Amino acid sequence: MEIHIEATIRIEERREQDQPFGEWLRRERIGKGLNMVQLSRLSGVSDSHIGRIEKGERIPRYDIARKLQRALEELADIE
């Protein structure tokens, strides 16, 4: 039984890692109660670019992805 539970946990962790960045970004943004304009102001990334990333129309460069991630992390630190 323990082996099955551990395997299930690993599968769930892997599924989360495989999630496209845009889907992760949208889930995190909404989970923190932000709209795209608010995230844009916090991150310095335009709201239209955030929208394209979330829709999967754009894959962000590393520096853009880090800006978005840091903005969400900093918000979590404040809460």
C-alpha atoms as a PDB file:
ATOM      1  CA  MET A   1       0.000   0.000   0.000  1.00  0.00           C
ATOM      2  CA  GLU A   2       2.800   2.443   0.880  1.00  0.00           C
ATOM      3  CA  ILE A   3       4.482   1.869  -2.487  1.00  0.00           C
ATOM      4  CA  HIS A   4       1.264   2.760  -4.317  1.00  0.00           C
ATOM      5  CA  ILE A   5       0.852   5.971  -2.312  1.00  0.00           C
ATOM      6  CA  GLU A   6       4.474   7.017  -2.966  1.00  0.00           C
ATOM      7  CA  ALA A   7       4.090   6.306  -6.683  1.00  0.00           C
ATOM      8  CA  THR A   8       0.895   8.339  -6.818  1.00  0.00           C
ATOM      9  CA  ILE A   9       2.592  11.274  -5.110  1.00  0.00           C
ATOM     10  CA  ARG A  10       5.499  11.120  -7.575  1.00  0.00           C
ATOM     11  CA  ILE A  11       3.104  11.052 -10.528  1.00  0.00           C
ATOM     12  CA  GLU A  12       1.256  14.112  -9.186  1.00  0.00           C
ATOM     13  CA  GLU A  13       4.547  15.964  -8.609  1.00  0.00           C
ATOM     14  CA  ARG A  14       5.715  15.121 -12.122  1.00  0.00           C
ATOM     15  CA  ARG A  15       2.406  16.209 -13.663  1.00  0.00           C
ATOM     16  CA  GLU A  16       2.758  19.574 -11.935  1.00  0.00           C
ATOM     17  CA  GLN A  17       6.336  19.953 -13.247  1.00  0.00           C
ATOM     18  CA  ASP A  18       5.186  19.163 -16.795  1.00  0.00           C
ATOM     19  CA  GLN A  19       2.533  21.863 -16.692  1.00  0.00           C
ATOM     20  CA  PRO A  20       3.201  24.628 -19.225  1.00  0.00           C
ATOM     21  CA  PHE A  21       4.440  27.876 -17.693  1.00  0.00           C
ATOM     22  CA  GLY A  22       1.382  29.795 -18.906  1.00  0.00           C
ATOM     23  CA  GLU A  23      -1.002  27.434 -17.144  1.00  0.00           C
ATOM     24  CA  TRP A  24       1.066  27.627 -13.961  1.00  0.00           C
ATOM     25  CA  LEU A  25       1.175  31.419 -14.190  1.00  0.00           C
ATOM     26  CA  ARG A  26      -2.583  31.726 -14.598  1.00  0.00           C
ATOM     27  CA  ARG A  27      -3.277  29.327 -11.712  1.00  0.00           C
ATOM     28  CA  GLU A  28      -0.880  31.182  -9.403  1.00  0.00           C
ATOM     29  CA  ARG A  29      -2.111  34.643 -10.417  1.00  0.00           C
ATOM     30  CA  ILE A  30      -5.765  33.779  -9.887  1.00  0.00           C
ATOM     31  CA  GLY A  31      -4.950  31.921  -6.679  1.00  0.00           C
ATOM     32  CA  LYS A  32      -3.407  35.085  -5.301  1.00  0.00           C
ATOM     33  CA  GLY A  33      -6.445  37.130  -6.338  1.00  0.00           C
ATOM     34  CA  LEU A  34      -4.642  39.186  -8.983  1.00  0.00           C
ATOM     35  CA  ASN A  35      -5.796  40.293 -12.390  1.00  0.00           C
ATOM     36  CA  MET A  36      -3.319  40.686 -15.256  1.00  0.00           C
ATOM     37  CA  VAL A  37      -2.973  44.450 -14.780  1.00  0.00           C
ATOM     38  CA  GLN A  38      -2.047  44.016 -11.124  1.00  0.00           C
ATOM     39  CA  LEU A  39       0.540  41.338 -11.955  1.00  0.00           C
ATOM     40  CA  SER A  40       1.865  43.588 -14.693  1.00  0.00           C
ATOM     41  CA  ARG A  41       2.431  46.415 -12.219  1.00  0.00           C
ATOM     42  CA  LEU A  42       4.154  44.094  -9.751  1.00  0.00           C
ATOM     43  CA  SER A  43       6.371  42.398 -12.333  1.00  0.00           C
ATOM     44  CA  GLY A  44       7.072  45.066 -14.941  1.00  0.00           C
ATOM     45  CA  VAL A  45       5.776  42.741 -17.693  1.00  0.00           C
ATOM     46  CA  SER A  46       2.941  44.126 -19.833  1.00  0.00           C
ATOM     47  CA  ASP A  47      -0.520  42.725 -19.208  1.00  0.00           C
ATOM     48  CA  SER A  48      -0.913  41.901 -22.898  1.00  0.00           C
ATOM     49  CA  HIS A  49       2.295  39.847 -22.792  1.00  0.00           C
ATOM     50  CA  ILE A  50       1.082  38.071 -19.645  1.00  0.00           C
ATOM     51  CA  GLY A  51      -2.166  37.242 -21.464  1.00  0.00           C
ATOM     52  CA  ARG A  52      -0.306  35.756 -24.431  1.00  0.00           C
ATOM     53  CA  ILE A  53       1.880  33.691 -22.106  1.00  0.00           C
ATOM     54  CA  GLU A  54      -1.147  32.369 -20.220  1.00  0.00           C
ATOM     55  CA  LYS A  55      -2.898  31.433 -23.474  1.00  0.00           C
ATOM     56  CA  GLY A  56       0.200  29.559 -24.636  1.00  0.00           C
ATOM     57  CA  GLU A  57       0.732  31.942 -27.553  1.00  0.00           C
ATOM     58  CA  ARG A  58       4.149  32.949 -26.219  1.00  0.00           C
ATOM     59  CA  ILE A  59       6.849  31.155 -24.280  1.00  0.00           C
ATOM     60  CA  PRO A  60       8.558  33.715 -22.061  1.00  0.00           C
ATOM     61  CA  ARG A  61      12.303  34.262 -22.068  1.00  0.00           C
ATOM     62  CA  TYR A  62      14.000  33.274 -18.845  1.00  0.00           C
ATOM     63  CA  ASP A  63      14.260  36.865 -17.569  1.00  0.00           C
ATOM     64  CA  ILE A  64      10.549  37.485 -18.124  1.00  0.00           C
ATOM     65  CA  ALA A  65       9.589  34.218 -16.444  1.00  0.00           C
ATOM     66  CA  ARG A  66      11.771  35.138 -13.444  1.00  0.00           C
ATOM     67  CA  LYS A  67      10.165  38.585 -13.154  1.00  0.00           C
ATOM     68  CA  LEU A  68       6.720  37.009 -13.059  1.00  0.00           C
ATOM     69  CA  GLN A  69       7.772  34.321 -10.612  1.00  0.00           C
ATOM     70  CA  ARG A  70       9.476  36.810  -8.295  1.00  0.00           C
ATOM     71  CA  ALA A  71       6.423  39.088  -8.304  1.00  0.00           C
ATOM     72  CA  LEU A  72       4.218  36.181  -7.245  1.00  0.00           C
ATOM     73  CA  GLU A  73       6.738  35.028  -4.608  1.00  0.00           C
ATOM     74  CA  GLU A  74       7.083  38.527  -3.158  1.00  0.00           C
ATOM     75  CA  LEU A  75       3.329  38.800  -2.915  1.00  0.00           C
ATOM     76  CA  ALA A  76       3.236  35.505  -1.025  1.00  0.00           C
ATOM     77  CA  ASP A  77       5.872  36.853   1.397  1.00  0.00           C
ATOM     78  CA  ILE A  78       3.714  39.901   2.107  1.00  0.00           C
ATOM     79  CA  GLU A  79       0.578  37.845   2.818  1.00  0.00           C
END
